[in-house]
Amino acid sequence: MITYIKGKLVEKSPTFLVVESGGIGYFINISLNTFDQIKDKENILVYTHLQIKEDSHTLYGFAQKSEREIFRLLISVSGIGSNIARTMLSSLSPVQIRDAIASADVAIIQGVKGIGAKTAQRVILDLKDKVLKIYNIDEVSPNSNNTNKEEALSALEVLGFTKRQSEKVVDRVLKQDTSLSVEDIIKQTLKNL
């Protein structure tokens, strides 16, 4: 098993990297989350997951071990393949996925393209106990984040920003950190508007 690759970044796109290590160029599939975190440095370290199938060997790369851990949990669910897991990690941060599973928030998981209600429910059913145990967390209230988001959007409207204009920036801010208070969401959003 290849646990990580450390080497020279040869090529970078939103869906893959090419990393040269020991004279070999590795084609590594990545999520948008990893793409955003990997800066255009010459030398990088990418945590990997090698998937071996009858007709292919596919390498997936992650900027952080926590993202790889969530990826491995997701692909353990029946009906969630590596491409859907990668799409989930491109749409949501590992923390958002973890919190959505822990709080049984079907709507957040179902919001990912290609995930229906049944699949979202299966992800929660299969992974909730594992996530609570692995991350040593108590059950999370599913709507605390949505309430903070709505309060922040209301406050931004009062400040003169349209809801449509603010919502994209608020979503981006929450994608980075789902535990922000209403005040912090507003501050971070104002910096990016």
Protein backbone atom coordinates (compact mmCIF):
# COMPACT_ATOMS: atom_id res chain seq x y z
CA MET A 1 0.00 0.00 0.00
CA ILE A 2 1.25 3.48 -0.86
CA THR A 3 0.49 5.71 2.14
CA TYR A 4 1.93 8.96 0.77
CA ILE A 5 4.02 10.33 -2.06
CA LYS A 6 6.56 13.07 -1.53
CA GLY A 7 8.05 14.63 -4.58
CA LYS A 8 8.06 17.34 -7.23
CA LEU A 9 4.72 18.74 -8.37
CA VAL A 10 4.83 18.42 -12.17
CA GLU A 11 1.20 19.15 -13.07
CA LYS A 12 -1.86 20.34 -11.16
CA SER A 13 -5.50 20.51 -12.21
CA PRO A 14 -8.76 20.59 -10.21
CA THR A 15 -9.16 16.81 -10.67
CA PHE A 16 -5.62 15.42 -10.64
CA LEU A 17 -1.96 15.96 -9.83
CA VAL A 18 1.16 14.54 -11.37
CA VAL A 19 3.91 14.12 -8.77
CA GLU A 20 7.39 12.95 -9.71
CA SER A 21 9.09 10.86 -7.04
CA GLY A 22 12.14 8.68 -7.56
CA GLY A 23 12.05 9.21 -11.31
CA ILE A 24 8.42 8.02 -11.59
CA GLY A 25 5.49 10.32 -12.38
CA TYR A 26 2.40 9.41 -10.35
CA PHE A 27 -1.04 10.39 -11.68
CA ILE A 28 -3.11 11.12 -8.57
CA ASN A 29 -6.86 11.83 -8.59
CA ILE A 30 -7.84 14.61 -6.16
CA SER A 31 -10.87 16.48 -4.84
CA LEU A 32 -11.39 20.23 -5.15
CA ASN A 33 -10.74 20.45 -1.42
CA THR A 34 -7.22 19.07 -1.94
CA PHE A 35 -6.74 21.22 -5.04
CA ASP A 36 -7.45 24.34 -2.95
CA GLN A 37 -5.05 23.29 -0.20
CA ILE A 38 -2.09 22.29 -2.35
CA LYS A 39 -0.21 25.41 -3.27
CA ASP A 40 2.00 25.55 -6.34
CA LYS A 41 5.09 24.52 -4.41
CA GLU A 42 7.85 22.63 -6.11
CA ASN A 43 7.95 19.81 -3.56
CA ILE A 44 4.78 18.45 -1.97
CA LEU A 45 3.56 15.56 0.16
CA VAL A 46 0.27 13.91 -0.78
CA TYR A 47 -1.45 11.26 1.38
CA THR A 48 -2.76 8.53 -0.89
CA HIS A 49 -5.24 5.71 -1.21
CA LEU A 50 -4.57 3.05 -3.84
CA GLN A 51 -7.66 1.36 -5.23
CA ILE A 52 -6.97 -1.91 -7.03
CA LYS A 53 -9.65 -3.33 -9.31
CA GLU A 54 -9.57 -6.11 -11.83
CA ASP A 55 -9.01 -3.68 -14.72
CA SER A 56 -7.24 -0.72 -13.08
CA HIS A 57 -5.03 0.60 -10.31
CA THR A 58 -6.18 4.10 -9.33
CA LEU A 59 -4.39 6.44 -6.94
CA TYR A 60 -6.33 9.04 -4.95
CA GLY A 61 -4.54 11.88 -3.19
CA PHE A 62 -5.36 14.08 -0.21
CA ALA A 63 -3.76 17.16 1.30
CA GLN A 64 -4.58 15.94 4.83
CA LYS A 65 -4.91 12.57 6.55
CA SER A 66 -8.36 13.56 7.84
CA GLU A 67 -9.68 13.89 4.28
CA ARG A 68 -8.28 10.47 3.38
CA GLU A 69 -9.93 9.00 6.49
CA ILE A 70 -13.36 10.41 5.50
CA PHE A 71 -12.82 9.15 1.92
CA ARG A 72 -12.14 5.62 3.21
CA LEU A 73 -15.21 5.74 5.43
CA LEU A 74 -17.38 6.88 2.51
CA ILE A 75 -16.21 4.19 0.10
CA SER A 76 -17.00 1.54 2.72
CA VAL A 77 -20.71 2.34 2.23
CA SER A 78 -22.56 0.23 -0.31
CA GLY A 79 -23.45 2.41 -3.30
CA ILE A 80 -20.70 4.98 -2.67
CA GLY A 81 -17.83 4.49 -5.06
CA SER A 82 -14.60 6.40 -5.15
CA ASN A 83 -15.93 8.92 -7.69
CA ILE A 84 -18.96 9.78 -5.57
CA ALA A 85 -16.76 10.02 -2.45
CA ARG A 86 -14.44 12.36 -4.34
CA THR A 87 -17.44 14.44 -5.49
CA MET A 88 -18.61 14.67 -1.88
CA LEU A 89 -15.16 15.87 -0.80
CA SER A 90 -15.21 18.42 -3.64
CA SER A 91 -18.59 19.77 -2.50
CA LEU A 92 -18.11 19.63 1.27
CA SER A 93 -15.12 19.80 3.58
CA PRO A 94 -14.20 16.68 5.58
CA VAL A 95 -15.44 18.45 8.73
CA GLN A 96 -18.80 19.23 7.10
CA ILE A 97 -19.22 15.59 6.03
CA ARG A 98 -18.22 14.34 9.47
CA ASP A 99 -20.64 16.74 11.21
CA ALA A 100 -23.48 15.95 8.78
CA ILE A 101 -23.07 12.23 9.47
CA ALA A 102 -22.76 12.74 13.23
CA SER A 103 -25.89 14.92 13.32
CA ALA A 104 -27.82 12.73 10.83
CA ASP A 105 -28.32 15.74 8.55
CA VAL A 106 -29.61 14.04 5.39
CA ALA A 107 -30.17 17.39 3.61
CA ILE A 108 -26.48 18.32 3.61
CA ILE A 109 -25.38 14.97 2.22
CA GLN A 110 -28.25 14.88 -0.26
CA GLY A 111 -27.15 18.35 -1.46
CA VAL A 112 -24.15 16.75 -3.17
CA LYS A 113 -24.66 16.13 -6.87
CA GLY A 114 -25.42 12.46 -7.56
CA ILE A 115 -26.59 11.63 -4.03
CA GLY A 116 -30.26 10.82 -3.56
CA ALA A 117 -32.26 10.55 -0.36
CA LYS A 118 -31.78 6.79 -0.01
CA THR A 119 -28.02 7.00 -0.51
CA ALA A 120 -27.73 9.89 1.96
CA GLN A 121 -29.70 7.91 4.53
CA ARG A 122 -27.53 4.84 3.93
CA VAL A 123 -24.35 6.91 4.47
CA ILE A 124 -25.70 8.14 7.81
CA LEU A 125 -27.00 4.73 8.87
CA ASP A 126 -23.73 2.97 8.03
CA LEU A 127 -21.31 5.61 9.31
CA LYS A 128 -22.91 7.50 12.19
CA ASP A 129 -21.76 5.14 14.95
CA LYS A 130 -18.27 4.85 13.42
CA VAL A 131 -17.91 8.64 13.13
CA LEU A 132 -19.10 9.24 16.70
CA LYS A 133 -16.63 6.61 17.97
CA ILE A 134 -13.63 7.54 15.78
CA TYR A 135 -13.87 11.28 16.43
CA ASN A 136 -15.02 10.83 20.04
CA ILE A 137 -17.90 13.27 19.65
CA ASP A 138 -21.36 13.42 21.10
CA GLU A 139 -24.36 13.68 18.82
CA VAL A 140 -24.51 17.07 17.14
CA SER A 141 -27.63 19.14 16.65
CA PRO A 142 -28.35 19.18 12.90
CA ASN A 143 -29.68 22.71 12.62
CA SER A 144 -27.21 24.82 14.61
CA ASN A 145 -25.16 25.57 11.51
CA ASN A 146 -28.21 26.42 9.39
CA THR A 147 -29.50 28.75 12.12
CA ASN A 148 -26.15 30.57 12.28
CA LYS A 149 -26.11 30.84 8.49
CA GLU A 150 -29.64 32.28 8.37
CA GLU A 151 -28.90 34.77 11.15
CA ALA A 152 -25.72 35.89 9.40
CA LEU A 153 -27.56 36.32 6.08
CA SER A 154 -30.26 38.38 7.79
CA ALA A 155 -27.65 40.62 9.40
CA LEU A 156 -25.86 41.09 6.07
CA GLU A 157 -29.17 42.09 4.44
CA VAL A 158 -29.62 44.73 7.14
CA LEU A 159 -26.12 45.98 6.26
CA GLY A 160 -27.27 46.44 2.65
CA PHE A 161 -26.03 43.29 0.92
CA THR A 162 -28.48 41.21 -1.11
CA LYS A 163 -29.12 37.66 0.13
CA ARG A 164 -28.05 36.23 -3.21
CA GLN A 165 -24.78 38.16 -3.13
CA SER A 166 -24.01 37.17 0.47
CA GLU A 167 -25.08 33.52 0.36
CA LYS A 168 -22.27 32.35 -1.94
CA VAL A 169 -19.63 33.97 0.27
CA VAL A 170 -21.24 32.67 3.49
CA ASP A 171 -21.30 29.14 2.03
CA ARG A 172 -17.61 29.44 1.16
CA VAL A 173 -16.81 30.66 4.69
CA LEU A 174 -18.79 27.78 6.25
CA LYS A 175 -17.10 25.29 3.93
CA GLN A 176 -13.79 26.22 5.58
CA ASP A 177 -15.08 26.05 9.17
CA THR A 178 -18.55 24.87 10.18
CA SER A 179 -18.12 25.77 13.86
CA LEU A 180 -18.10 29.57 13.38
CA SER A 181 -20.40 31.76 15.46
CA VAL A 182 -22.80 34.17 13.74
CA GLU A 183 -20.43 37.08 14.42
CA ASP A 184 -17.46 35.22 12.96
CA ILE A 185 -19.45 34.25 9.86
CA ILE A 186 -20.37 37.90 9.32
CA LYS A 187 -16.78 39.11 9.85
CA GLN A 188 -15.33 36.51 7.45
CA THR A 189 -18.02 37.24 4.87
CA LEU A 190 -17.44 41.01 5.01
CA LYS A 191 -13.73 40.41 4.36
CA ASN A 192 -14.61 38.48 1.18
CA LEU A 193 -17.46 40.63 -0.19
